[in-house]
């Protein structure tokens, strides 16, 4: 390795060997599925009725996981659709009450929908403040490990190779909007979101025929950290894209 390159530890060199020996190409395509349940859902109704954020849940996870996910949903809605009034989850919890709030989210976590009792309770508690309630559920959350190789010629025309260790996070989430006036589901959507963390683990000179942009998936036999992979990105980062897509897909004012 050239003196200008990064110094690699024995563990990192082992990782490089494993990555470059692998031939399984990796990748993850984004996807979404939207179901407009109520054709009468309109921009005017959203703007006049106010959208309340109930929360975001992940099955079999402690309650402490929720706050950053809820914050991401609220940020996406407020930044993408500042034209639609928003009632944040803290206010919803106060209006609903601690126990009914906990019960509604627990039901949604296990069933993937709000049952009629929860919708009725929300409608009674939020009647004067919001017509709609949005809630989301993380359906899957998976980590992946891969490498990414890039190269570019230096001033002498020699290819400089960089290998980066990549830790990716892929999450599938469902988002639902309930119309409390009708006490029914108004809009339902499912999304796939991804985020990555990466660090350089090797740089050096290589032959001209090596192609840049190679990405390979690997299945570490020991802990990813011990093999040189970075910590995975936070789950909220993977949900940012889906939540922003949901916000943009809500009905808009007529041009």
C-alpha atoms as a PDB file:
ATOM      1  CA  UNK A   1       0.000   0.000   0.000  1.00  0.00           C
ATOM      2  CA  UNK A   2       1.294   3.427  -0.874  1.00  0.00           C
ATOM      3  CA  UNK A   3       2.550   5.665   1.889  1.00  0.00           C
ATOM      4  CA  UNK A   4      -0.148   8.159   0.896  1.00  0.00           C
ATOM      5  CA  UNK A   5      -2.881   5.631   1.652  1.00  0.00           C
ATOM      6  CA  UNK A   6      -4.715   5.093   4.942  1.00  0.00           C
ATOM      7  CA  UNK A   7      -3.147   2.713   7.438  1.00  0.00           C
ATOM      8  CA  UNK A   8      -5.287  -0.409   7.836  1.00  0.00           C
ATOM      9  CA  UNK A   9      -5.460  -2.521  10.983  1.00  0.00           C
ATOM     10  CA  UNK A  10      -5.169  -6.341  10.744  1.00  0.00           C
ATOM     11  CA  UNK A  11      -8.900  -6.599  11.385  1.00  0.00           C
ATOM     12  CA  UNK A  12      -9.659  -4.120   8.625  1.00  0.00           C
ATOM     13  CA  UNK A  13      -7.352  -5.945   6.207  1.00  0.00           C
ATOM     14  CA  UNK A  14      -9.188  -9.176   6.967  1.00  0.00           C
ATOM     15  CA  UNK A  15     -12.443  -7.402   6.266  1.00  0.00           C
ATOM     16  CA  UNK A  16     -11.116  -6.098   2.949  1.00  0.00           C
ATOM     17  CA  UNK A  17     -10.108  -9.619   1.956  1.00  0.00           C
ATOM     18  CA  UNK A  18     -13.539 -10.941   2.866  1.00  0.00           C
ATOM     19  CA  UNK A  19     -15.344  -8.167   1.029  1.00  0.00           C
ATOM     20  CA  UNK A  20     -13.323  -8.368  -2.161  1.00  0.00           C
ATOM     21  CA  UNK A  21     -13.566 -12.168  -2.202  1.00  0.00           C
ATOM     22  CA  UNK A  22     -17.351 -12.025  -2.039  1.00  0.00           C
ATOM     23  CA  UNK A  23     -19.211 -12.086  -5.351  1.00  0.00           C
ATOM     24  CA  UNK A  24     -22.772 -11.524  -4.130  1.00  0.00           C
ATOM     25  CA  UNK A  25     -23.920  -8.135  -5.357  1.00  0.00           C
ATOM     26  CA  UNK A  26     -26.049  -6.143  -2.937  1.00  0.00           C
ATOM     27  CA  UNK A  27     -28.760  -3.552  -3.212  1.00  0.00           C
ATOM     28  CA  UNK A  28     -32.176  -2.543  -1.977  1.00  0.00           C
ATOM     29  CA  UNK A  29     -34.891  -0.939  -4.077  1.00  0.00           C
ATOM     30  CA  UNK A  30     -37.254   1.572  -2.509  1.00  0.00           C
ATOM     31  CA  UNK A  31     -40.932   0.761  -2.789  1.00  0.00           C
ATOM     32  CA  UNK A  32     -44.286   2.127  -1.706  1.00  0.00           C
ATOM     33  CA  UNK A  33     -47.878   1.010  -1.798  1.00  0.00           C
ATOM     34  CA  UNK A  34     -50.657   3.536  -1.281  1.00  0.00           C
ATOM     35  CA  UNK A  35     -54.325   2.732  -0.729  1.00  0.00           C
ATOM     36  CA  UNK A  36     -56.758   5.657  -0.756  1.00  0.00           C
ATOM     37  CA  UNK A  37     -59.594   4.220   1.311  1.00  0.00           C
ATOM     38  CA  UNK A  38     -61.824   7.298   1.338  1.00  0.00           C
ATOM     39  CA  UNK A  39     -62.204   9.089  -2.030  1.00  0.00           C
ATOM     40  CA  UNK A  40     -63.789  12.040  -0.179  1.00  0.00           C
ATOM     41  CA  UNK A  41     -60.532  12.865   1.627  1.00  0.00           C
ATOM     42  CA  UNK A  42     -59.720  16.397   0.464  1.00  0.00           C
ATOM     43  CA  UNK A  43     -57.188  19.136   1.065  1.00  0.00           C
ATOM     44  CA  UNK A  44     -59.915  21.395   2.461  1.00  0.00           C
ATOM     45  CA  UNK A  45     -60.903  18.773   5.012  1.00  0.00           C
ATOM     46  CA  UNK A  46     -57.281  18.314   6.127  1.00  0.00           C
ATOM     47  CA  UNK A  47     -56.625  22.054   6.377  1.00  0.00           C
ATOM     48  CA  UNK A  48     -59.828  22.817   8.251  1.00  0.00           C
ATOM     49  CA  UNK A  49     -59.872  19.659  10.333  1.00  0.00           C
ATOM     50  CA  UNK A  50     -56.245  19.541  11.668  1.00  0.00           C
ATOM     51  CA  UNK A  51     -54.099  16.360  11.701  1.00  0.00           C
ATOM     52  CA  UNK A  52     -53.175  14.951  15.120  1.00  0.00           C
ATOM     53  CA  UNK A  53     -50.086  12.741  15.526  1.00  0.00           C
ATOM     54  CA  UNK A  54     -50.879   9.748  17.709  1.00  0.00           C
ATOM     55  CA  UNK A  55     -47.477   8.062  17.490  1.00  0.00           C
ATOM     56  CA  UNK A  56     -45.120   5.572  15.861  1.00  0.00           C
ATOM     57  CA  UNK A  57     -44.733   2.033  17.218  1.00  0.00           C
ATOM     58  CA  UNK A  58     -42.397  -0.882  16.661  1.00  0.00           C
ATOM     59  CA  UNK A  59     -43.590  -4.342  17.765  1.00  0.00           C
ATOM     60  CA  UNK A  60     -41.777  -5.923  20.695  1.00  0.00           C
ATOM     61  CA  UNK A  61     -39.783  -2.801  21.488  1.00  0.00           C
ATOM     62  CA  UNK A  62     -39.722  -0.722  24.658  1.00  0.00           C
ATOM     63  CA  UNK A  63     -41.552   2.598  24.757  1.00  0.00           C
ATOM     64  CA  UNK A  64     -38.233   4.492  24.767  1.00  0.00           C
ATOM     65  CA  UNK A  65     -37.790   3.595  21.078  1.00  0.00           C
ATOM     66  CA  UNK A  66     -40.795   5.709  20.098  1.00  0.00           C
ATOM     67  CA  UNK A  67     -39.806   9.370  20.783  1.00  0.00           C
ATOM     68  CA  UNK A  68     -37.222   9.762  17.957  1.00  0.00           C
ATOM     69  CA  UNK A  69     -39.559   8.005  15.514  1.00  0.00           C
ATOM     70  CA  UNK A  70     -42.470  10.252  16.475  1.00  0.00           C
ATOM     71  CA  UNK A  71     -40.208  13.301  16.213  1.00  0.00           C
ATOM     72  CA  UNK A  72     -39.226  12.266  12.683  1.00  0.00           C
ATOM     73  CA  UNK A  73     -42.878  11.878  11.634  1.00  0.00           C
ATOM     74  CA  UNK A  74     -43.757  15.288  13.070  1.00  0.00           C
ATOM     75  CA  UNK A  75     -40.733  16.905  11.417  1.00  0.00           C
ATOM     76  CA  UNK A  76     -41.598  15.392   8.038  1.00  0.00           C
ATOM     77  CA  UNK A  77     -45.221  16.533   8.259  1.00  0.00           C
ATOM     78  CA  UNK A  78     -44.406  20.052   9.443  1.00  0.00           C
ATOM     79  CA  UNK A  79     -41.618  20.615   6.891  1.00  0.00           C
ATOM     80  CA  UNK A  80     -43.308  19.016   3.902  1.00  0.00           C
ATOM     81  CA  UNK A  81     -46.862  20.166   4.637  1.00  0.00           C
ATOM     82  CA  UNK A  82     -46.704  23.337   6.649  1.00  0.00           C
ATOM     83  CA  UNK A  83     -50.030  24.221   5.013  1.00  0.00           C
ATOM     84  CA  UNK A  84     -51.837  21.546   7.059  1.00  0.00           C
ATOM     85  CA  UNK A  85     -52.339  22.337  10.778  1.00  0.00           C
ATOM     86  CA  UNK A  86     -50.679  19.753  13.032  1.00  0.00           C
ATOM     87  CA  UNK A  87     -51.482  18.710  16.601  1.00  0.00           C
ATOM     88  CA  UNK A  88     -48.356  17.098  18.028  1.00  0.00           C
ATOM     89  CA  UNK A  89     -48.256  13.852  19.982  1.00  0.00           C
ATOM     90  CA  UNK A  90     -47.515  15.511  23.338  1.00  0.00           C
ATOM     91  CA  UNK A  91     -50.763  17.465  23.088  1.00  0.00           C
ATOM     92  CA  UNK A  92     -52.659  14.365  21.947  1.00  0.00           C
ATOM     93  CA  UNK A  93     -51.380  12.422  24.975  1.00  0.00           C
ATOM     94  CA  UNK A  94     -52.525  15.181  27.334  1.00  0.00           C
ATOM     95  CA  UNK A  95     -55.965  15.434  25.758  1.00  0.00           C
ATOM     96  CA  UNK A  96     -56.478  11.689  25.612  1.00  0.00           C
ATOM     97  CA  UNK A  97     -55.008  10.826  28.998  1.00  0.00           C
ATOM     98  CA  UNK A  98     -51.992   8.676  29.814  1.00  0.00           C
ATOM     99  CA  UNK A  99     -53.774   5.314  30.062  1.00  0.00           C
ATOM    100  CA  UNK A 100     -56.063   5.675  26.995  1.00  0.00           C
ATOM    101  CA  UNK A 101     -53.048   6.918  24.996  1.00  0.00           C
ATOM    102  CA  UNK A 102     -50.959   3.917  26.046  1.00  0.00           C
ATOM    103  CA  UNK A 103     -53.829   1.539  25.321  1.00  0.00           C
ATOM    104  CA  UNK A 104     -54.447   2.951  21.840  1.00  0.00           C
ATOM    105  CA  UNK A 105     -50.785   2.590  20.840  1.00  0.00           C
ATOM    106  CA  UNK A 106     -50.557  -0.903  22.347  1.00  0.00           C
ATOM    107  CA  UNK A 107     -53.592  -2.012  20.343  1.00  0.00           C
ATOM    108  CA  UNK A 108     -52.119  -0.539  17.180  1.00  0.00           C
ATOM    109  CA  UNK A 109     -48.746  -2.157  17.859  1.00  0.00           C
ATOM    110  CA  UNK A 110     -50.251  -5.650  18.053  1.00  0.00           C
ATOM    111  CA  UNK A 111     -53.005  -5.352  15.443  1.00  0.00           C
ATOM    112  CA  UNK A 112     -51.597  -2.897  12.901  1.00  0.00           C
ATOM    113  CA  UNK A 113     -54.888  -0.959  12.967  1.00  0.00           C
ATOM    114  CA  UNK A 114     -56.827   1.113  15.465  1.00  0.00           C
ATOM    115  CA  UNK A 115     -59.903  -0.781  16.609  1.00  0.00           C
ATOM    116  CA  UNK A 116     -63.343   0.845  16.806  1.00  0.00           C
ATOM    117  CA  UNK A 117     -63.043   1.452  20.550  1.00  0.00           C
ATOM    118  CA  UNK A 118     -59.747   3.344  20.117  1.00  0.00           C
ATOM    119  CA  UNK A 119     -61.115   5.415  17.227  1.00  0.00           C
ATOM    120  CA  UNK A 120     -64.227   6.261  19.234  1.00  0.00           C
ATOM    121  CA  UNK A 121     -62.146   7.318  22.249  1.00  0.00           C
ATOM    122  CA  UNK A 122     -59.902   9.464  20.048  1.00  0.00           C
ATOM    123  CA  UNK A 123     -62.925  11.069  18.383  1.00  0.00           C
ATOM    124  CA  UNK A 124     -64.466  11.955  21.748  1.00  0.00           C
ATOM    125  CA  UNK A 125     -61.219  13.307  23.238  1.00  0.00           C
ATOM    126  CA  UNK A 126     -60.002  15.286  20.191  1.00  0.00           C
ATOM    127  CA  UNK A 127     -63.369  16.457  18.881  1.00  0.00           C
ATOM    128  CA  UNK A 128     -62.675  20.146  19.440  1.00  0.00           C
ATOM    129  CA  UNK A 129     -59.012  20.019  18.354  1.00  0.00           C
ATOM    130  CA  UNK A 130     -58.526  17.664  15.383  1.00  0.00           C
ATOM    131  CA  UNK A 131     -60.529  15.724  12.827  1.00  0.00           C
ATOM    132  CA  UNK A 132     -57.745  13.412  11.642  1.00  0.00           C
ATOM    133  CA  UNK A 133     -55.219  11.186  13.411  1.00  0.00           C
ATOM    134  CA  UNK A 134     -52.034   9.793  11.858  1.00  0.00           C
ATOM    135  CA  UNK A 135     -50.233   6.758  13.266  1.00  0.00           C
ATOM    136  CA  UNK A 136     -47.383   4.587  11.952  1.00  0.00           C
ATOM    137  CA  UNK A 137     -46.039   1.088  12.616  1.00  0.00           C
ATOM    138  CA  UNK A 138     -42.581  -0.290  11.792  1.00  0.00           C
ATOM    139  CA  UNK A 139     -43.245  -3.637  10.102  1.00  0.00           C
ATOM    140  CA  UNK A 140     -39.612  -4.735   9.686  1.00  0.00           C
ATOM    141  CA  UNK A 141     -36.157  -3.438  10.567  1.00  0.00           C
ATOM    142  CA  UNK A 142     -33.092  -5.162   9.106  1.00  0.00           C
ATOM    143  CA  UNK A 143     -29.351  -4.460   9.031  1.00  0.00           C
ATOM    144  CA  UNK A 144     -27.035  -5.292   6.146  1.00  0.00           C
ATOM    145  CA  UNK A 145     -23.273  -5.166   5.706  1.00  0.00           C
ATOM    146  CA  UNK A 146     -21.429  -4.512   2.471  1.00  0.00           C
ATOM    147  CA  UNK A 147     -18.435  -2.807   0.924  1.00  0.00           C
ATOM    148  CA  UNK A 148     -18.241  -0.023  -1.608  1.00  0.00           C
ATOM    149  CA  UNK A 149     -15.174   0.382  -3.788  1.00  0.00           C
ATOM    150  CA  UNK A 150     -14.402   3.542  -5.739  1.00  0.00           C
ATOM    151  CA  UNK A 151     -11.375   4.587  -7.744  1.00  0.00           C
ATOM    152  CA  UNK A 152     -10.070   7.641  -9.545  1.00  0.00           C
ATOM    153  CA  UNK A 153      -6.760   8.416 -11.241  1.00  0.00           C
ATOM    154  CA  UNK A 154      -4.256  10.614  -9.450  1.00  0.00           C
ATOM    155  CA  UNK A 155      -2.020  13.209 -11.149  1.00  0.00           C
ATOM    156  CA  UNK A 156       0.319  10.419 -12.306  1.00  0.00           C
ATOM    157  CA  UNK A 157      -2.552   8.482 -13.893  1.00  0.00           C
ATOM    158  CA  UNK A 158      -2.454   5.729 -11.258  1.00  0.00           C
ATOM    159  CA  UNK A 159      -5.826   4.561  -9.969  1.00  0.00           C
ATOM    160  CA  UNK A 160      -6.343   5.306  -6.292  1.00  0.00           C
ATOM    161  CA  UNK A 161      -8.604   2.643  -4.771  1.00  0.00           C
ATOM    162  CA  UNK A 162     -10.807   3.321  -1.732  1.00  0.00           C
ATOM    163  CA  UNK A 163     -12.806   0.573  -0.018  1.00  0.00           C
ATOM    164  CA  UNK A 164     -15.471   1.629   2.451  1.00  0.00           C
ATOM    165  CA  UNK A 165     -17.270  -0.609   4.925  1.00  0.00           C
ATOM    166  CA  UNK A 166     -21.014   0.051   4.808  1.00  0.00           C
ATOM    167  CA  UNK A 167     -23.650  -0.705   7.427  1.00  0.00           C
ATOM    168  CA  UNK A 168     -27.145  -0.266   6.037  1.00  0.00           C
ATOM    169  CA  UNK A 169     -30.559  -0.253   7.649  1.00  0.00           C
ATOM    170  CA  UNK A 170     -33.725  -1.135   5.726  1.00  0.00           C
ATOM    171  CA  UNK A 171     -37.108  -0.527   7.339  1.00  0.00           C
ATOM    172  CA  UNK A 172     -40.638  -1.176   6.170  1.00  0.00           C
ATOM    173  CA  UNK A 173     -43.313   1.047   7.725  1.00  0.00           C
ATOM    174  CA  UNK A 174     -47.064   1.420   7.398  1.00  0.00           C
ATOM    175  CA  UNK A 175     -48.730   4.812   7.889  1.00  0.00           C
ATOM    176  CA  UNK A 176     -52.449   5.301   8.418  1.00  0.00           C
ATOM    177  CA  UNK A 177     -54.678   8.350   8.582  1.00  0.00           C
ATOM    178  CA  UNK A 178     -58.026   8.060  10.385  1.00  0.00           C
ATOM    179  CA  UNK A 179     -60.988  10.391   9.897  1.00  0.00           C
ATOM    180  CA  UNK A 180     -62.443  10.847  13.384  1.00  0.00           C
ATOM    181  CA  UNK A 181     -65.592  12.528  12.042  1.00  0.00           C
ATOM    182  CA  UNK A 182     -66.418   9.375  10.097  1.00  0.00           C
ATOM    183  CA  UNK A 183     -64.633   7.143  12.635  1.00  0.00           C
ATOM    184  CA  UNK A 184     -63.018   5.287   9.760  1.00  0.00           C
ATOM    185  CA  UNK A 185     -59.693   4.752   8.003  1.00  0.00           C
ATOM    186  CA  UNK A 186     -59.175   7.470   5.382  1.00  0.00           C
ATOM    187  CA  UNK A 187     -55.744   6.698   3.951  1.00  0.00           C
ATOM    188  CA  UNK A 188     -53.271   3.822   4.296  1.00  0.00           C
ATOM    189  CA  UNK A 189     -49.768   3.466   2.851  1.00  0.00           C
ATOM    190  CA  UNK A 190     -46.706   1.238   3.157  1.00  0.00           C
ATOM    191  CA  UNK A 191     -43.142   2.287   2.438  1.00  0.00           C
ATOM    192  CA  UNK A 192     -39.612   0.935   2.371  1.00  0.00           C
ATOM    193  CA  UNK A 193     -36.877   3.254   3.627  1.00  0.00           C
ATOM    194  CA  UNK A 194     -33.092   2.882   3.873  1.00  0.00           C
ATOM    195  CA  UNK A 195     -30.093   4.646   5.357  1.00  0.00           C
ATOM    196  CA  UNK A 196     -26.372   3.869   5.578  1.00  0.00           C
ATOM    197  CA  UNK A 197     -23.269   4.569   7.628  1.00  0.00           C
ATOM    198  CA  UNK A 198     -19.840   4.045   6.043  1.00  0.00           C
ATOM    199  CA  UNK A 199     -16.164   4.433   6.889  1.00  0.00           C
ATOM    200  CA  UNK A 200     -13.011   4.062   4.772  1.00  0.00           C
ATOM    201  CA  UNK A 201     -11.045   0.904   5.625  1.00  0.00           C
ATOM    202  CA  UNK A 202      -8.497   0.774   2.808  1.00  0.00           C
ATOM    203  CA  UNK A 203      -6.920   3.115   0.308  1.00  0.00           C
ATOM    204  CA  UNK A 204      -4.133   2.345  -2.116  1.00  0.00           C
ATOM    205  CA  UNK A 205      -3.063   2.025  -5.747  1.00  0.00           C
ATOM    206  CA  UNK A 206      -4.677  -0.430  -8.117  1.00  0.00           C
ATOM    207  CA  UNK A 207      -4.553  -1.530 -11.761  1.00  0.00           C
ATOM    208  CA  UNK A 208      -6.408   0.499 -14.390  1.00  0.00           C
ATOM    209  CA  UNK A 209      -8.782  -2.325 -15.250  1.00  0.00           C
ATOM    210  CA  UNK A 210     -10.416  -2.369 -11.807  1.00  0.00           C
ATOM    211  CA  UNK A 211     -13.905  -0.909 -12.028  1.00  0.00           C
ATOM    212  CA  UNK A 212     -15.236   1.599  -9.464  1.00  0.00           C
ATOM    213  CA  UNK A 213     -18.578   1.448  -7.718  1.00  0.00           C
ATOM    214  CA  UNK A 214     -18.531  -2.228  -6.727  1.00  0.00           C
ATOM    215  CA  UNK A 215     -20.802  -3.026  -3.795  1.00  0.00           C
ATOM    216  CA  UNK A 216     -20.970  -6.453  -2.179  1.00  0.00           C
ATOM    217  CA  UNK A 217     -23.106  -7.873   0.612  1.00  0.00           C
ATOM    218  CA  UNK A 218     -21.424  -9.964   3.254  1.00  0.00           C
ATOM    219  CA  UNK A 219     -22.566 -11.965   6.262  1.00  0.00           C
ATOM    220  CA  UNK A 220     -20.042 -11.414   9.055  1.00  0.00           C
ATOM    221  CA  UNK A 221     -19.136 -14.523  11.045  1.00  0.00           C
ATOM    222  CA  UNK A 222     -18.109 -12.406  14.040  1.00  0.00           C
ATOM    223  CA  UNK A 223     -19.513  -9.157  15.381  1.00  0.00           C
ATOM    224  CA  UNK A 224     -19.689  -6.431  12.709  1.00  0.00           C
ATOM    225  CA  UNK A 225     -17.823  -3.979  14.955  1.00  0.00           C
ATOM    226  CA  UNK A 226     -14.940  -6.426  15.309  1.00  0.00           C
ATOM    227  CA  UNK A 227     -14.697  -6.668  11.524  1.00  0.00           C
ATOM    228  CA  UNK A 228     -14.492  -2.912  11.115  1.00  0.00           C
ATOM    229  CA  UNK A 229     -18.056  -2.014  10.175  1.00  0.00           C
ATOM    230  CA  UNK A 230     -19.478   1.292  11.479  1.00  0.00           C
ATOM    231  CA  UNK A 231     -22.400   1.418  13.886  1.00  0.00           C
ATOM    232  CA  UNK A 232     -25.767   1.192  12.122  1.00  0.00           C
ATOM    233  CA  UNK A 233     -27.662   4.429  11.448  1.00  0.00           C
ATOM    234  CA  UNK A 234     -30.576   5.248  13.725  1.00  0.00           C
ATOM    235  CA  UNK A 235     -33.935   3.781  12.723  1.00  0.00           C
ATOM    236  CA  UNK A 236     -35.416   7.282  12.490  1.00  0.00           C
ATOM    237  CA  UNK A 237     -33.037   8.062   9.593  1.00  0.00           C
ATOM    238  CA  UNK A 238     -34.465   5.169   7.583  1.00  0.00           C
ATOM    239  CA  UNK A 239     -38.004   6.410   8.248  1.00  0.00           C
ATOM    240  CA  UNK A 240     -37.381   9.990   7.142  1.00  0.00           C
ATOM    241  CA  UNK A 241     -37.896   9.224   3.434  1.00  0.00           C
ATOM    242  CA  UNK A 242     -41.114   7.239   3.958  1.00  0.00           C
ATOM    243  CA  UNK A 243     -42.601   9.874   6.266  1.00  0.00           C
ATOM    244  CA  UNK A 244     -41.765  12.686   3.853  1.00  0.00           C
ATOM    245  CA  UNK A 245     -43.287  10.689   0.989  1.00  0.00           C
ATOM    246  CA  UNK A 246     -46.472  10.198   2.993  1.00  0.00           C
ATOM    247  CA  UNK A 247     -46.667  13.912   3.764  1.00  0.00           C
ATOM    248  CA  UNK A 248     -46.190  14.862   0.104  1.00  0.00           C
ATOM    249  CA  UNK A 249     -48.854  12.401  -0.997  1.00  0.00           C
ATOM    250  CA  UNK A 250     -51.594  13.900   1.168  1.00  0.00           C
ATOM    251  CA  UNK A 251     -54.143  15.884  -0.895  1.00  0.00           C
ATOM    252  CA  UNK A 252     -52.962  19.324  -1.977  1.00  0.00           C
ATOM    253  CA  UNK A 253     -54.685  22.566  -2.869  1.00  0.00           C
ATOM    254  CA  UNK A 254     -55.918  22.801  -6.432  1.00  0.00           C
ATOM    255  CA  UNK A 255     -53.459  24.721  -8.685  1.00  0.00           C
END
